[in-house]
Amino acid sequence: MAVCPECEAKVDVDEEDMEEGQTLDCPECGAELEVVNTNPVELDVVGSEEEEEEEEAW
């Protein structure tokens, strides 16, 4: 079980078949999530780093 970093909903994942870089959608908020760590499974919102950099540039 993993947690969506956007809405903190529990995301049911198959931890045995997860690979870093794999993407999936949050069933609650629909955010596109990327697996950034597999042990334990950790998710990050796709594009969040790029958006933060753009905000800092302004």
N, C-alpha and C. Protein backbone atom coordinates (compact mmCIF):
# COMPACT_ATOMS: atom_id res chain seq x y z
N MET A 1 0.85 -1.17 0.00
CA MET A 1 0.00 0.00 0.00
C MET A 1 0.89 1.24 0.00
N ALA A 2 0.53 2.20 -0.82
CA ALA A 2 1.28 3.45 -0.89
C ALA A 2 0.30 4.60 -0.65
N VAL A 3 0.83 5.81 -0.52
CA VAL A 3 0.00 6.98 -0.26
C VAL A 3 0.23 8.00 -1.36
N CYS A 4 -0.86 8.57 -1.87
CA CYS A 4 -0.77 9.62 -2.89
C CYS A 4 -0.23 10.89 -2.23
N PRO A 5 0.86 11.47 -2.76
CA PRO A 5 1.41 12.68 -2.16
C PRO A 5 0.54 13.91 -2.41
N GLU A 6 -0.40 13.82 -3.34
CA GLU A 6 -1.27 14.94 -3.67
C GLU A 6 -2.47 15.03 -2.72
N CYS A 7 -3.17 13.89 -2.51
CA CYS A 7 -4.39 13.92 -1.69
C CYS A 7 -4.32 13.01 -0.46
N GLU A 8 -3.20 12.30 -0.31
CA GLU A 8 -2.95 11.41 0.82
C GLU A 8 -3.89 10.20 0.88
N ALA A 9 -4.51 9.86 -0.26
CA ALA A 9 -5.34 8.67 -0.33
C ALA A 9 -4.45 7.44 -0.41
N LYS A 10 -4.95 6.33 0.08
CA LYS A 10 -4.22 5.07 -0.01
C LYS A 10 -4.34 4.56 -1.45
N VAL A 11 -3.20 4.19 -2.02
CA VAL A 11 -3.16 3.68 -3.39
C VAL A 11 -2.74 2.22 -3.31
N ASP A 12 -3.60 1.33 -3.79
CA ASP A 12 -3.32 -0.10 -3.75
C ASP A 12 -2.36 -0.42 -4.90
N VAL A 13 -1.17 -0.90 -4.57
CA VAL A 13 -0.17 -1.23 -5.59
C VAL A 13 0.32 -2.65 -5.38
N ASP A 14 0.76 -3.27 -6.46
CA ASP A 14 1.35 -4.60 -6.39
C ASP A 14 2.84 -4.41 -6.13
N GLU A 15 3.24 -4.44 -4.88
CA GLU A 15 4.61 -4.11 -4.49
C GLU A 15 5.64 -5.04 -5.11
N GLU A 16 5.26 -6.28 -5.41
CA GLU A 16 6.21 -7.23 -6.00
C GLU A 16 6.54 -6.89 -7.45
N ASP A 17 5.59 -6.30 -8.17
CA ASP A 17 5.80 -5.99 -9.58
C ASP A 17 6.14 -4.52 -9.84
N MET A 18 6.27 -3.71 -8.77
CA MET A 18 6.58 -2.29 -8.95
C MET A 18 8.03 -2.10 -9.40
N GLU A 19 8.23 -1.14 -10.29
CA GLU A 19 9.57 -0.77 -10.72
C GLU A 19 9.70 0.74 -10.63
N GLU A 20 10.89 1.23 -10.27
CA GLU A 20 11.11 2.67 -10.22
C GLU A 20 10.89 3.25 -11.61
N GLY A 21 10.22 4.39 -11.67
CA GLY A 21 9.92 5.05 -12.93
C GLY A 21 8.56 4.69 -13.49
N GLN A 22 7.93 3.65 -12.94
CA GLN A 22 6.60 3.25 -13.39
C GLN A 22 5.60 4.32 -12.99
N THR A 23 4.58 4.56 -13.82
CA THR A 23 3.57 5.56 -13.50
C THR A 23 2.20 4.91 -13.33
N LEU A 24 1.40 5.56 -12.52
CA LEU A 24 0.02 5.12 -12.30
C LEU A 24 -0.80 6.33 -11.90
N ASP A 25 -2.12 6.17 -11.89
CA ASP A 25 -3.01 7.26 -11.53
C ASP A 25 -3.62 7.02 -10.16
N CYS A 26 -3.77 8.09 -9.39
CA CYS A 26 -4.43 7.99 -8.10
C CYS A 26 -5.92 7.76 -8.33
N PRO A 27 -6.50 6.75 -7.69
CA PRO A 27 -7.92 6.49 -7.87
C PRO A 27 -8.82 7.56 -7.26
N GLU A 28 -8.30 8.36 -6.34
CA GLU A 28 -9.11 9.39 -5.67
C GLU A 28 -9.07 10.73 -6.41
N CYS A 29 -7.87 11.27 -6.64
CA CYS A 29 -7.76 12.62 -7.22
C CYS A 29 -7.35 12.60 -8.69
N GLY A 30 -6.94 11.44 -9.20
CA GLY A 30 -6.58 11.33 -10.62
C GLY A 30 -5.18 11.82 -10.95
N ALA A 31 -4.39 12.18 -9.95
CA ALA A 31 -3.03 12.67 -10.19
C ALA A 31 -2.18 11.55 -10.81
N GLU A 32 -1.33 11.93 -11.75
CA GLU A 32 -0.40 10.96 -12.34
C GLU A 32 0.79 10.83 -11.39
N LEU A 33 1.04 9.60 -10.96
CA LEU A 33 2.07 9.34 -9.96
C LEU A 33 3.18 8.48 -10.53
N GLU A 34 4.39 8.72 -10.06
CA GLU A 34 5.56 7.94 -10.48
C GLU A 34 6.13 7.23 -9.26
N VAL A 35 6.53 5.98 -9.45
CA VAL A 35 7.19 5.23 -8.39
C VAL A 35 8.63 5.72 -8.31
N VAL A 36 9.00 6.32 -7.17
CA VAL A 36 10.36 6.84 -7.00
C VAL A 36 11.20 5.95 -6.10
N ASN A 37 10.54 5.00 -5.41
CA ASN A 37 11.25 4.05 -4.56
C ASN A 37 10.38 2.81 -4.46
N THR A 38 11.01 1.64 -4.44
CA THR A 38 10.24 0.40 -4.40
C THR A 38 10.26 -0.30 -3.06
N ASN A 39 11.16 0.07 -2.17
CA ASN A 39 11.23 -0.60 -0.88
C ASN A 39 11.56 0.41 0.21
N PRO A 40 10.59 1.01 0.86
CA PRO A 40 9.15 0.83 0.65
C PRO A 40 8.69 1.60 -0.58
N VAL A 41 7.50 1.25 -1.07
CA VAL A 41 6.96 1.94 -2.25
C VAL A 41 6.69 3.39 -1.89
N GLU A 42 7.26 4.30 -2.70
CA GLU A 42 7.09 5.73 -2.49
C GLU A 42 6.69 6.35 -3.82
N LEU A 43 5.67 7.19 -3.79
CA LEU A 43 5.16 7.81 -5.01
C LEU A 43 5.40 9.30 -4.99
N ASP A 44 5.52 9.90 -6.19
CA ASP A 44 5.65 11.34 -6.34
C ASP A 44 4.76 11.76 -7.50
N VAL A 45 4.24 12.97 -7.46
CA VAL A 45 3.41 13.47 -8.54
C VAL A 45 4.29 13.75 -9.75
N VAL A 46 3.89 13.23 -10.91
CA VAL A 46 4.66 13.44 -12.14
C VAL A 46 4.64 14.93 -12.48
N GLY A 47 5.82 15.49 -12.76
CA GLY A 47 5.92 16.89 -13.15
C GLY A 47 6.02 17.84 -11.98
N SER A 48 5.97 17.36 -10.76
CA SER A 48 5.98 18.26 -9.61
C SER A 48 7.31 19.02 -9.50
N GLU A 49 8.43 18.38 -9.83
CA GLU A 49 9.73 19.06 -9.75
C GLU A 49 9.83 20.16 -10.81
N GLU A 50 9.34 19.89 -12.03
CA GLU A 50 9.39 20.88 -13.09
C GLU A 50 8.52 22.08 -12.74
N GLU A 51 7.33 21.84 -12.19
CA GLU A 51 6.44 22.93 -11.81
C GLU A 51 7.06 23.77 -10.71
N GLU A 52 7.73 23.15 -9.73
CA GLU A 52 8.38 23.88 -8.66
C GLU A 52 9.50 24.76 -9.20
N GLU A 53 10.29 24.23 -10.16
CA GLU A 53 11.36 25.01 -10.74
C GLU A 53 10.82 26.21 -11.50
N GLU A 54 9.71 26.02 -12.24
CA GLU A 54 9.11 27.12 -12.97
C GLU A 54 8.61 28.20 -12.02
N GLU A 55 8.00 27.79 -10.89
CA GLU A 55 7.50 28.75 -9.92
C GLU A 55 8.65 29.54 -9.30
N GLU A 56 9.79 28.87 -9.03
CA GLU A 56 10.94 29.54 -8.43
C GLU A 56 11.55 30.53 -9.42
N ALA A 57 11.47 30.24 -10.71
CA ALA A 57 12.07 31.12 -11.72
C ALA A 57 11.31 32.44 -11.83
N TRP A 58 10.04 32.46 -11.46
CA TRP A 58 9.26 33.70 -11.57
C TRP A 58 9.52 34.52 -10.39
